[in-house]
Amino acid sequence: MRCRLLLFAILCSPCAAQAQVTATGDYLARMDTDRDGRVSLAEYQAWMSYAFEGMDRNRDGVLSVDELPGGRGKPITREAHLAQLAERFRRQDVDRDGFLSAKELAAPPQ
């Protein structure tokens, strides 16, 4: 389901409709809301959660089966979704500095 959420997030992103991200630096610039040249966990979670928020039609903080792509899968809470994102962030943060650089964002998921 994580892959489906990520794919949905990438394909249905409001940002994707505004402008295509063509390079890792562009991706970092869009995620880096405080413009410090790196992506914090909070920035990462905010960026990656727009798909969850868009799919949660009844705004109850849970993606029920009927809100999931294809109407299949297990329900997931916002908290569980954020925890999955935190784990993905931790794996991508290779130098363990608590931030993602452009290089770390460009690396294949761990």
PDB file of N, CA and C in Angstrom:
ATOM      1  N   MET A   1       0.818  -1.179   0.000  1.00  0.00           N
ATOM      2  CA  MET A   1       0.000   0.000   0.000  1.00  0.00           C
ATOM      3  C   MET A   1       0.868   1.251   0.000  1.00  0.00           C
ATOM      4  N   ARG A   2       2.031   1.190   0.647  1.00  0.00           N
ATOM      5  CA  ARG A   2       2.909   2.357   0.654  1.00  0.00           C
ATOM      6  C   ARG A   2       3.261   2.780  -0.759  1.00  0.00           C
ATOM      7  N   CYS A   3       3.532   1.794  -1.603  1.00  0.00           N
ATOM      8  CA  CYS A   3       3.880   2.109  -2.991  1.00  0.00           C
ATOM      9  C   CYS A   3       2.708   2.764  -3.701  1.00  0.00           C
ATOM     10  N   ARG A   4       1.483   2.269  -3.429  1.00  0.00           N
ATOM     11  CA  ARG A   4       0.314   2.869  -4.059  1.00  0.00           C
ATOM     12  C   ARG A   4       0.126   4.306  -3.615  1.00  0.00           C
ATOM     13  N   LEU A   5       0.313   4.569  -2.306  1.00  0.00           N
ATOM     14  CA  LEU A   5       0.177   5.937  -1.810  1.00  0.00           C
ATOM     15  C   LEU A   5       1.226   6.848  -2.428  1.00  0.00           C
ATOM     16  N   LEU A   6       2.459   6.363  -2.495  1.00  0.00           N
ATOM     17  CA  LEU A   6       3.526   7.173  -3.069  1.00  0.00           C
ATOM     18  C   LEU A   6       3.268   7.434  -4.548  1.00  0.00           C
ATOM     19  N   LEU A   7       2.872   6.403  -5.276  1.00  0.00           N
ATOM     20  CA  LEU A   7       2.573   6.578  -6.696  1.00  0.00           C
ATOM     21  C   LEU A   7       1.415   7.548  -6.876  1.00  0.00           C
ATOM     22  N   PHE A   8       0.370   7.386  -6.069  1.00  0.00           N
ATOM     23  CA  PHE A   8      -0.758   8.305  -6.150  1.00  0.00           C
ATOM     24  C   PHE A   8      -0.306   9.724  -5.836  1.00  0.00           C
ATOM     25  N   ALA A   9       0.544   9.870  -4.825  1.00  0.00           N
ATOM     26  CA  ALA A   9       1.033  11.195  -4.438  1.00  0.00           C
ATOM     27  C   ALA A   9       1.803  11.847  -5.575  1.00  0.00           C
ATOM     28  N   ILE A  10       2.607  11.078  -6.253  1.00  0.00           N
ATOM     29  CA  ILE A  10       3.416  11.635  -7.335  1.00  0.00           C
ATOM     30  C   ILE A  10       2.551  11.986  -8.533  1.00  0.00           C
ATOM     31  N   LEU A  11       1.645  11.089  -8.898  1.00  0.00           N
ATOM     32  CA  LEU A  11       0.843  11.302 -10.095  1.00  0.00           C
ATOM     33  C   LEU A  11      -0.261  12.336  -9.909  1.00  0.00           C
ATOM     34  N   CYS A  12      -0.798  12.433  -8.708  1.00  0.00           N
ATOM     35  CA  CYS A  12      -1.956  13.299  -8.487  1.00  0.00           C
ATOM     36  C   CYS A  12      -1.608  14.540  -7.690  1.00  0.00           C
ATOM     37  N   SER A  13      -0.365  14.817  -7.568  1.00  0.00           N
ATOM     38  CA  SER A  13       0.083  15.956  -6.795  1.00  0.00           C
ATOM     39  C   SER A  13      -0.427  17.263  -7.366  1.00  0.00           C
ATOM     40  N   PRO A  14      -0.909  18.151  -6.480  1.00  0.00           N
ATOM     41  CA  PRO A  14      -1.252  19.476  -6.985  1.00  0.00           C
ATOM     42  C   PRO A  14      -0.023  20.191  -7.526  1.00  0.00           C
ATOM     43  N   CYS A  15       1.111  19.889  -6.974  1.00  0.00           N
ATOM     44  CA  CYS A  15       2.349  20.509  -7.456  1.00  0.00           C
ATOM     45  C   CYS A  15       2.710  19.986  -8.848  1.00  0.00           C
ATOM     46  N   ALA A  16       2.383  18.717  -9.115  1.00  0.00           N
ATOM     47  CA  ALA A  16       2.673  18.165 -10.429  1.00  0.00           C
ATOM     48  C   ALA A  16       1.865  18.887 -11.488  1.00  0.00           C
ATOM     49  N   ALA A  17       0.663  19.273 -11.118  1.00  0.00           N
ATOM     50  CA  ALA A  17      -0.169  20.000 -12.072  1.00  0.00           C
ATOM     51  C   ALA A  17       0.374  21.401 -12.320  1.00  0.00           C
ATOM     52  N   GLN A  18       1.011  21.989 -11.312  1.00  0.00           N
ATOM     53  CA  GLN A  18       1.535  23.341 -11.440  1.00  0.00           C
ATOM     54  C   GLN A  18       2.814  23.370 -12.264  1.00  0.00           C
ATOM     55  N   ALA A  19       3.710  22.455 -11.980  1.00  0.00           N
ATOM     56  CA  ALA A  19       4.981  22.434 -12.702  1.00  0.00           C
ATOM     57  C   ALA A  19       5.648  21.089 -12.493  1.00  0.00           C
ATOM     58  N   GLN A  20       6.220  20.569 -13.540  1.00  0.00           N
ATOM     59  CA  GLN A  20       6.943  19.315 -13.430  1.00  0.00           C
ATOM     60  C   GLN A  20       8.293  19.546 -12.767  1.00  0.00           C
ATOM     61  N   VAL A  21       8.629  18.665 -11.846  1.00  0.00           N
ATOM     62  CA  VAL A  21       9.945  18.703 -11.226  1.00  0.00           C
ATOM     63  C   VAL A  21      10.851  17.867 -12.103  1.00  0.00           C
ATOM     64  N   THR A  22      11.906  18.489 -12.630  1.00  0.00           N
ATOM     65  CA  THR A  22      12.746  17.796 -13.593  1.00  0.00           C
ATOM     66  C   THR A  22      14.115  17.427 -13.051  1.00  0.00           C
ATOM     67  N   ALA A  23      14.485  17.945 -11.909  1.00  0.00           N
ATOM     68  CA  ALA A  23      15.788  17.640 -11.336  1.00  0.00           C
ATOM     69  C   ALA A  23      15.662  17.553  -9.822  1.00  0.00           C
ATOM     70  N   THR A  24      16.578  16.839  -9.205  1.00  0.00           N
ATOM     71  CA  THR A  24      16.553  16.681  -7.761  1.00  0.00           C
ATOM     72  C   THR A  24      16.584  18.021  -7.055  1.00  0.00           C
ATOM     73  N   GLY A  25      17.345  18.966  -7.563  1.00  0.00           N
ATOM     74  CA  GLY A  25      17.391  20.291  -6.955  1.00  0.00           C
ATOM     75  C   GLY A  25      16.035  20.970  -6.959  1.00  0.00           C
ATOM     76  N   ASP A  26      15.272  20.758  -8.044  1.00  0.00           N
ATOM     77  CA  ASP A  26      13.914  21.299  -8.104  1.00  0.00           C
ATOM     78  C   ASP A  26      13.032  20.645  -7.048  1.00  0.00           C
ATOM     79  N   TYR A  27      13.179  19.345  -6.909  1.00  0.00           N
ATOM     80  CA  TYR A  27      12.398  18.597  -5.926  1.00  0.00           C
ATOM     81  C   TYR A  27      12.717  19.110  -4.527  1.00  0.00           C
ATOM     82  N   LEU A  28      13.994  19.267  -4.228  1.00  0.00           N
ATOM     83  CA  LEU A  28      14.405  19.781  -2.924  1.00  0.00           C
ATOM     84  C   LEU A  28      13.853  21.185  -2.717  1.00  0.00           C
ATOM     85  N   ALA A  29      13.922  22.029  -3.712  1.00  0.00           N
ATOM     86  CA  ALA A  29      13.448  23.403  -3.582  1.00  0.00           C
ATOM     87  C   ALA A  29      11.958  23.443  -3.260  1.00  0.00           C
ATOM     88  N   ARG A  30      11.187  22.557  -3.838  1.00  0.00           N
ATOM     89  CA  ARG A  30       9.746  22.534  -3.561  1.00  0.00           C
ATOM     90  C   ARG A  30       9.441  22.013  -2.169  1.00  0.00           C
ATOM     91  N   MET A  31      10.209  21.052  -1.689  1.00  0.00           N
ATOM     92  CA  MET A  31       9.985  20.481  -0.361  1.00  0.00           C
ATOM     93  C   MET A  31      10.526  21.384   0.738  1.00  0.00           C
ATOM     94  N   ASP A  32      11.582  22.108   0.443  1.00  0.00           N
ATOM     95  CA  ASP A  32      12.320  22.915   1.422  1.00  0.00           C
ATOM     96  C   ASP A  32      11.613  24.250   1.669  1.00  0.00           C
ATOM     97  N   THR A  33      10.571  24.207   2.481  1.00  0.00           N
ATOM     98  CA  THR A  33       9.744  25.409   2.669  1.00  0.00           C
ATOM     99  C   THR A  33      10.451  26.523   3.426  1.00  0.00           C
ATOM    100  N   ASP A  34      11.434  26.193   4.267  1.00  0.00           N
ATOM    101  CA  ASP A  34      12.154  27.262   4.977  1.00  0.00           C
ATOM    102  C   ASP A  34      13.402  27.717   4.236  1.00  0.00           C
ATOM    103  N   ARG A  35      13.641  27.141   3.057  1.00  0.00           N
ATOM    104  CA  ARG A  35      14.724  27.542   2.146  1.00  0.00           C
ATOM    105  C   ARG A  35      16.119  27.493   2.781  1.00  0.00           C
ATOM    106  N   ASP A  36      16.349  26.451   3.596  1.00  0.00           N
ATOM    107  CA  ASP A  36      17.682  26.313   4.190  1.00  0.00           C
ATOM    108  C   ASP A  36      18.573  25.335   3.427  1.00  0.00           C
ATOM    109  N   GLY A  37      18.092  24.853   2.276  1.00  0.00           N
ATOM    110  CA  GLY A  37      18.907  23.982   1.434  1.00  0.00           C
ATOM    111  C   GLY A  37      18.859  22.522   1.814  1.00  0.00           C
ATOM    112  N   ARG A  38      17.956  22.162   2.709  1.00  0.00           N
ATOM    113  CA  ARG A  38      17.820  20.775   3.126  1.00  0.00           C
ATOM    114  C   ARG A  38      16.374  20.550   3.551  1.00  0.00           C
ATOM    115  N   VAL A  39      15.987  19.284   3.625  1.00  0.00           N
ATOM    116  CA  VAL A  39      14.606  18.935   3.934  1.00  0.00           C
ATOM    117  C   VAL A  39      14.544  18.265   5.305  1.00  0.00           C
ATOM    118  N   SER A  40      13.758  18.853   6.186  1.00  0.00           N
ATOM    119  CA  SER A  40      13.561  18.280   7.522  1.00  0.00           C
ATOM    120  C   SER A  40      12.479  17.208   7.460  1.00  0.00           C
ATOM    121  N   LEU A  41      12.350  16.455   8.531  1.00  0.00           N
ATOM    122  CA  LEU A  41      11.298  15.449   8.605  1.00  0.00           C
ATOM    123  C   LEU A  41       9.923  16.109   8.463  1.00  0.00           C
ATOM    124  N   ALA A  42       9.708  17.220   9.129  1.00  0.00           N
ATOM    125  CA  ALA A  42       8.406  17.905   9.046  1.00  0.00           C
ATOM    126  C   ALA A  42       8.106  18.349   7.610  1.00  0.00           C
ATOM    127  N   GLU A  43       9.102  18.882   6.922  1.00  0.00           N
ATOM    128  CA  GLU A  43       8.906  19.300   5.527  1.00  0.00           C
ATOM    129  C   GLU A  43       8.595  18.093   4.648  1.00  0.00           C
ATOM    130  N   TYR A  44       9.328  17.003   4.870  1.00  0.00           N
ATOM    131  CA  TYR A  44       9.127  15.772   4.109  1.00  0.00           C
ATOM    132  C   TYR A  44       7.715  15.234   4.326  1.00  0.00           C
ATOM    133  N   GLN A  45       7.302  15.159   5.580  1.00  0.00           N
ATOM    134  CA  GLN A  45       5.976  14.642   5.888  1.00  0.00           C
ATOM    135  C   GLN A  45       4.880  15.542   5.303  1.00  0.00           C
ATOM    136  N   ALA A  46       5.066  16.842   5.391  1.00  0.00           N
ATOM    137  CA  ALA A  46       4.067  17.763   4.838  1.00  0.00           C
ATOM    138  C   ALA A  46       3.947  17.555   3.330  1.00  0.00           C
ATOM    139  N   TRP A  47       5.087  17.494   2.636  1.00  0.00           N
ATOM    140  CA  TRP A  47       5.087  17.324   1.181  1.00  0.00           C
ATOM    141  C   TRP A  47       4.450  15.992   0.782  1.00  0.00           C
ATOM    142  N   MET A  48       4.819  14.942   1.492  1.00  0.00           N
ATOM    143  CA  MET A  48       4.370  13.603   1.121  1.00  0.00           C
ATOM    144  C   MET A  48       2.951  13.290   1.604  1.00  0.00           C
ATOM    145  N   SER A  49       2.359  14.146   2.405  1.00  0.00           N
ATOM    146  CA  SER A  49       1.034  13.870   2.951  1.00  0.00           C
ATOM    147  C   SER A  49      -0.109  14.462   2.143  1.00  0.00           C
ATOM    148  N   TYR A  50       0.196  15.244   1.122  1.00  0.00           N
ATOM    149  CA  TYR A  50      -0.895  15.863   0.375  1.00  0.00           C
ATOM    150  C   TYR A  50      -1.800  14.820  -0.261  1.00  0.00           C
ATOM    151  N   ALA A  51      -1.268  13.692  -0.679  1.00  0.00           N
ATOM    152  CA  ALA A  51      -2.103  12.651  -1.278  1.00  0.00           C
ATOM    153  C   ALA A  51      -3.044  12.065  -0.229  1.00  0.00           C
ATOM    154  N   PHE A  52      -2.525  11.823   0.970  1.00  0.00           N
ATOM    155  CA  PHE A  52      -3.372  11.307   2.046  1.00  0.00           C
ATOM    156  C   PHE A  52      -4.512  12.283   2.301  1.00  0.00           C
ATOM    157  N   GLU A  53      -4.165  13.538   2.448  1.00  0.00           N
ATOM    158  CA  GLU A  53      -5.181  14.560   2.735  1.00  0.00           C
ATOM    159  C   GLU A  53      -6.227  14.621   1.616  1.00  0.00           C
ATOM    160  N   GLY A  54      -5.785  14.513   0.386  1.00  0.00           N
ATOM    161  CA  GLY A  54      -6.712  14.553  -0.735  1.00  0.00           C
ATOM    162  C   GLY A  54      -7.623  13.343  -0.811  1.00  0.00           C
ATOM    163  N   MET A  55      -7.111  12.193  -0.427  1.00  0.00           N
ATOM    164  CA  MET A  55      -7.914  10.976  -0.473  1.00  0.00           C
ATOM    165  C   MET A  55      -8.868  10.867   0.714  1.00  0.00           C
ATOM    166  N   ASP A  56      -8.547  11.499   1.831  1.00  0.00           N
ATOM    167  CA  ASP A  56      -9.377  11.419   3.040  1.00  0.00           C
ATOM    168  C   ASP A  56     -10.596  12.337   2.869  1.00  0.00           C
ATOM    169  N   ARG A  57     -11.521  11.881   2.056  1.00  0.00           N
ATOM    170  CA  ARG A  57     -12.671  12.715   1.684  1.00  0.00           C
ATOM    171  C   ARG A  57     -13.541  13.136   2.858  1.00  0.00           C
ATOM    172  N   ASN A  58     -13.703  12.279   3.852  1.00  0.00           N
ATOM    173  CA  ASN A  58     -14.554  12.644   4.983  1.00  0.00           C
ATOM    174  C   ASN A  58     -13.778  13.313   6.123  1.00  0.00           C
ATOM    175  N   ARG A  59     -12.489  13.518   5.911  1.00  0.00           N
ATOM    176  CA  ARG A  59     -11.626  14.245   6.857  1.00  0.00           C
ATOM    177  C   ARG A  59     -11.642  13.656   8.272  1.00  0.00           C
ATOM    178  N   ASP A  60     -11.703  12.306   8.353  1.00  0.00           N
ATOM    179  CA  ASP A  60     -11.696  11.676   9.672  1.00  0.00           C
ATOM    180  C   ASP A  60     -10.317  11.195  10.100  1.00  0.00           C
ATOM    181  N   GLY A  61      -9.284  11.453   9.280  1.00  0.00           N
ATOM    182  CA  GLY A  61      -7.924  11.044   9.634  1.00  0.00           C
ATOM    183  C   GLY A  61      -7.626   9.587   9.357  1.00  0.00           C
ATOM    184  N   VAL A  62      -8.507   8.922   8.656  1.00  0.00           N
ATOM    185  CA  VAL A  62      -8.324   7.513   8.306  1.00  0.00           C
ATOM    186  C   VAL A  62      -8.674   7.345   6.830  1.00  0.00           C
ATOM    187  N   LEU A  63      -7.794   6.677   6.097  1.00  0.00           N
ATOM    188  CA  LEU A  63      -8.143   6.297   4.728  1.00  0.00           C
ATOM    189  C   LEU A  63      -8.835   4.948   4.818  1.00  0.00           C
ATOM    190  N   SER A  64     -10.141   4.958   4.633  1.00  0.00           N
ATOM    191  CA  SER A  64     -10.907   3.723   4.652  1.00  0.00           C
ATOM    192  C   SER A  64     -10.769   3.052   3.288  1.00  0.00           C
ATOM    193  N   VAL A  65     -11.223   1.822   3.204  1.00  0.00           N
ATOM    194  CA  VAL A  65     -11.076   1.053   1.971  1.00  0.00           C
ATOM    195  C   VAL A  65     -11.677   1.810   0.788  1.00  0.00           C
ATOM    196  N   ASP A  66     -12.838   2.426   0.973  1.00  0.00           N
ATOM    197  CA  ASP A  66     -13.473   3.121  -0.152  1.00  0.00           C
ATOM    198  C   ASP A  66     -12.734   4.397  -0.556  1.00  0.00           C
ATOM    199  N   GLU A  67     -11.804   4.879   0.279  1.00  0.00           N
ATOM    200  CA  GLU A  67     -11.019   6.065  -0.066  1.00  0.00           C
ATOM    201  C   GLU A  67      -9.670   5.704  -0.689  1.00  0.00           C
ATOM    202  N   LEU A  68      -9.287   4.442  -0.622  1.00  0.00           N
ATOM    203  CA  LEU A  68      -8.012   3.996  -1.180  1.00  0.00           C
ATOM    204  C   LEU A  68      -8.116   3.817  -2.691  1.00  0.00           C
ATOM    205  N   PRO A  69      -6.997   4.020  -3.401  1.00  0.00           N
ATOM    206  CA  PRO A  69      -7.007   3.798  -4.849  1.00  0.00           C
ATOM    207  C   PRO A  69      -7.475   2.379  -5.177  1.00  0.00           C
ATOM    208  N   GLY A  70      -8.422   2.267  -6.059  1.00  0.00           N
ATOM    209  CA  GLY A  70      -8.949   0.967  -6.447  1.00  0.00           C
ATOM    210  C   GLY A  70      -9.935   0.393  -5.448  1.00  0.00           C
ATOM    211  N   GLY A  71     -10.150   1.094  -4.332  1.00  0.00           N
ATOM    212  CA  GLY A  71     -11.078   0.592  -3.330  1.00  0.00           C
ATOM    213  C   GLY A  71     -10.630  -0.682  -2.658  1.00  0.00           C
ATOM    214  N   ARG A  72      -9.295  -0.892  -2.630  1.00  0.00           N
ATOM    215  CA  ARG A  72      -8.748  -2.106  -2.018  1.00  0.00           C
ATOM    216  C   ARG A  72      -7.618  -1.741  -1.086  1.00  0.00           C
ATOM    217  N   GLY A  73      -7.328  -2.624  -0.174  1.00  0.00           N
ATOM    218  CA  GLY A  73      -6.238  -2.441   0.772  1.00  0.00           C
ATOM    219  C   GLY A  73      -6.764  -2.318   2.190  1.00  0.00           C
ATOM    220  N   LYS A  74      -5.843  -2.102   3.105  1.00  0.00           N
ATOM    221  CA  LYS A  74      -6.198  -1.979   4.511  1.00  0.00           C
ATOM    222  C   LYS A  74      -6.315  -0.505   4.868  1.00  0.00           C
ATOM    223  N   PRO A  75      -7.288  -0.161   5.713  1.00  0.00           N
ATOM    224  CA  PRO A  75      -7.389   1.228   6.174  1.00  0.00           C
ATOM    225  C   PRO A  75      -6.088   1.658   6.851  1.00  0.00           C
ATOM    226  N   ILE A  76      -5.781   2.937   6.752  1.00  0.00           N
ATOM    227  CA  ILE A  76      -4.576   3.468   7.391  1.00  0.00           C
ATOM    228  C   ILE A  76      -4.907   4.820   8.019  1.00  0.00           C
ATOM    229  N   THR A  77      -4.415   5.010   9.231  1.00  0.00           N
ATOM    230  CA  THR A  77      -4.638   6.283   9.915  1.00  0.00           C
ATOM    231  C   THR A  77      -3.577   7.295   9.494  1.00  0.00           C
ATOM    232  N   ARG A  78      -3.877   8.558   9.699  1.00  0.00           N
ATOM    233  CA  ARG A  78      -2.896   9.619   9.418  1.00  0.00           C
ATOM    234  C   ARG A  78      -1.625   9.379  10.235  1.00  0.00           C
ATOM    235  N   GLU A  79      -1.793   8.975  11.494  1.00  0.00           N
ATOM    236  CA  GLU A  79      -0.629   8.730  12.358  1.00  0.00           C
ATOM    237  C   GLU A  79       0.244   7.601  11.817  1.00  0.00           C
ATOM    238  N   ALA A  80      -0.387   6.525  11.351  1.00  0.00           N
ATOM    239  CA  ALA A  80       0.381   5.418  10.777  1.00  0.00           C
ATOM    240  C   ALA A  80       1.069   5.856   9.487  1.00  0.00           C
ATOM    241  N   HIS A  81       0.385   6.655   8.696  1.00  0.00           N
ATOM    242  CA  HIS A  81       0.976   7.183   7.463  1.00  0.00           C
ATOM    243  C   HIS A  81       2.209   8.040   7.784  1.00  0.00           C
ATOM    244  N   LEU A  82       2.075   8.932   8.769  1.00  0.00           N
ATOM    245  CA  LEU A  82       3.214   9.778   9.166  1.00  0.00           C
ATOM    246  C   LEU A  82       4.359   8.943   9.708  1.00  0.00           C
ATOM    247  N   ALA A  83       4.041   7.874  10.435  1.00  0.00           N
ATOM    248  CA  ALA A  83       5.087   6.982  10.958  1.00  0.00           C
ATOM    249  C   ALA A  83       5.819   6.285   9.812  1.00  0.00           C
ATOM    250  N   GLN A  84       5.081   5.865   8.768  1.00  0.00           N
ATOM    251  CA  GLN A  84       5.716   5.251   7.602  1.00  0.00           C
ATOM    252  C   GLN A  84       6.635   6.248   6.903  1.00  0.00           C
ATOM    253  N   LEU A  85       6.174   7.486   6.794  1.00  0.00           N
ATOM    254  CA  LEU A  85       7.007   8.515   6.175  1.00  0.00           C
ATOM    255  C   LEU A  85       8.258   8.778   7.004  1.00  0.00           C
ATOM    256  N   ALA A  86       8.121   8.793   8.320  1.00  0.00           N
ATOM    257  CA  ALA A  86       9.283   9.012   9.193  1.00  0.00           C
ATOM    258  C   ALA A  86      10.302   7.896   9.025  1.00  0.00           C
ATOM    259  N   GLU A  87       9.829   6.668   8.890  1.00  0.00           N
ATOM    260  CA  GLU A  87      10.740   5.543   8.685  1.00  0.00           C
ATOM    261  C   GLU A  87      11.434   5.650   7.330  1.00  0.00           C
ATOM    262  N   ARG A  88      10.694   6.015   6.296  1.00  0.00           N
ATOM    263  CA  ARG A  88      11.301   6.193   4.971  1.00  0.00           C
ATOM    264  C   ARG A  88      12.344   7.315   5.009  1.00  0.00           C
ATOM    265  N   PHE A  89      12.010   8.411   5.690  1.00  0.00           N
ATOM    266  CA  PHE A  89      12.934   9.531   5.846  1.00  0.00           C
ATOM    267  C   PHE A  89      14.215   9.063   6.542  1.00  0.00           C
ATOM    268  N   ARG A  90      14.051   8.296   7.628  1.00  0.00           N
ATOM    269  CA  ARG A  90      15.208   7.802   8.378  1.00  0.00           C
ATOM    270  C   ARG A  90      16.121   6.956   7.491  1.00  0.00           C
ATOM    271  N   ARG A  91      15.530   6.121   6.649  1.00  0.00           N
ATOM    272  CA  ARG A  91      16.344   5.288   5.757  1.00  0.00           C
ATOM    273  C   ARG A  91      17.056   6.123   4.698  1.00  0.00           C
ATOM    274  N   GLN A  92      16.419   7.186   4.216  1.00  0.00           N
ATOM    275  CA  GLN A  92      17.024   8.053   3.198  1.00  0.00           C
ATOM    276  C   GLN A  92      18.111   8.952   3.781  1.00  0.00           C
ATOM    277  N   ASP A  93      18.042   9.241   5.073  1.00  0.00           N
ATOM    278  CA  ASP A  93      18.997  10.129   5.735  1.00  0.00           C
ATOM    279  C   ASP A  93      20.288   9.361   6.025  1.00  0.00           C
ATOM    280  N   VAL A  94      21.041   9.126   4.987  1.00  0.00           N
ATOM    281  CA  VAL A  94      22.228   8.268   5.058  1.00  0.00           C
ATOM    282  C   VAL A  94      23.273   8.808   6.037  1.00  0.00           C
ATOM    283  N   ASP A  95      23.473  10.120   6.053  1.00  0.00           N
ATOM    284  CA  ASP A  95      24.487  10.673   6.953  1.00  0.00           C
ATOM    285  C   ASP A  95      23.956  10.920   8.372  1.00  0.00           C
ATOM    286  N   ARG A  96      22.697  10.595   8.599  1.00  0.00           N
ATOM    287  CA  ARG A  96      22.060  10.665   9.925  1.00  0.00           C
ATOM    288  C   ARG A  96      22.144  12.043  10.571  1.00  0.00           C
ATOM    289  N   ASP A  97      22.022  13.095   9.748  1.00  0.00           N
ATOM    290  CA  ASP A  97      22.064  14.448  10.312  1.00  0.00           C
ATOM    291  C   ASP A  97      20.677  15.009  10.593  1.00  0.00           C
ATOM    292  N   GLY A  98      19.635  14.221  10.316  1.00  0.00           N
ATOM    293  CA  GLY A  98      18.275  14.656  10.573  1.00  0.00           C
ATOM    294  C   GLY A  98      17.658  15.473   9.448  1.00  0.00           C
ATOM    295  N   PHE A  99      18.350  15.551   8.309  1.00  0.00           N
ATOM    296  CA  PHE A  99      17.867  16.296   7.150  1.00  0.00           C
ATOM    297  C   PHE A  99      18.188  15.498   5.890  1.00  0.00           C
ATOM    298  N   LEU A 100      17.438  15.762   4.831  1.00  0.00           N
ATOM    299  CA  LEU A 100      17.743  15.160   3.537  1.00  0.00           C
ATOM    300  C   LEU A 100      18.346  16.205   2.621  1.00  0.00           C
ATOM    301  N   SER A 101      19.471  15.862   2.060  1.00  0.00           N
ATOM    302  CA  SER A 101      20.124  16.719   1.070  1.00  0.00           C
ATOM    303  C   SER A 101      19.591  16.350  -0.312  1.00  0.00           C
ATOM    304  N   ALA A 102      19.964  17.121  -1.312  1.00  0.00           N
ATOM    305  CA  ALA A 102      19.580  16.803  -2.686  1.00  0.00           C
ATOM    306  C   ALA A 102      20.107  15.419  -3.070  1.00  0.00           C
ATOM    307  N   LYS A 103      21.317  15.097  -2.655  1.00  0.00           N
ATOM    308  CA  LYS A 103      21.904  13.796  -2.961  1.00  0.00           C
ATOM    309  C   LYS A 103      21.098  12.667  -2.315  1.00  0.00           C
ATOM    310  N   GLU A 104      20.696  12.856  -1.062  1.00  0.00           N
ATOM    311  CA  GLU A 104      19.925  11.830  -0.383  1.00  0.00           C
ATOM    312  C   GLU A 104      18.535  11.689  -0.996  1.00  0.00           C
ATOM    313  N   LEU A 105      17.945  12.797  -1.419  1.00  0.00           N
ATOM    314  CA  LEU A 105      16.639  12.728  -2.084  1.00  0.00           C
ATOM    315  C   LEU A 105      16.726  11.991  -3.412  1.00  0.00           C
ATOM    316  N   ALA A 106      17.861  12.127  -4.105  1.00  0.00           N
ATOM    317  CA  ALA A 106      18.037  11.511  -5.412  1.00  0.00           C
ATOM    318  C   ALA A 106      18.343  10.007  -5.314  1.00  0.00           C
ATOM    319  N   ALA A 107      18.793   9.559  -4.166  1.00  0.00           N
ATOM    320  CA  ALA A 107      19.166   8.156  -4.007  1.00  0.00           C
ATOM    321  C   ALA A 107      17.933   7.255  -4.054  1.00  0.00           C
ATOM    322  N   PRO A 108      18.093   6.055  -4.581  1.00  0.00           N
ATOM    323  CA  PRO A 108      16.975   5.119  -4.571  1.00  0.00           C
ATOM    324  C   PRO A 108      16.540   4.834  -3.129  1.00  0.00           C
ATOM    325  N   PRO A 109      15.255   4.586  -2.926  1.00  0.00           N
ATOM    326  CA  PRO A 109      14.789   4.270  -1.553  1.00  0.00           C
ATOM    327  C   PRO A 109      15.554   3.108  -0.976  1.00  0.00           C
ATOM    328  N   GLN A 110      15.838   3.190   0.278  1.00  0.00           N
ATOM    329  CA  GLN A 110      16.590   2.152   0.988  1.00  0.00           C
ATOM    330  C   GLN A 110      15.640   1.093   1.537  1.00  0.00           C
TER     331      GLN A 110
END
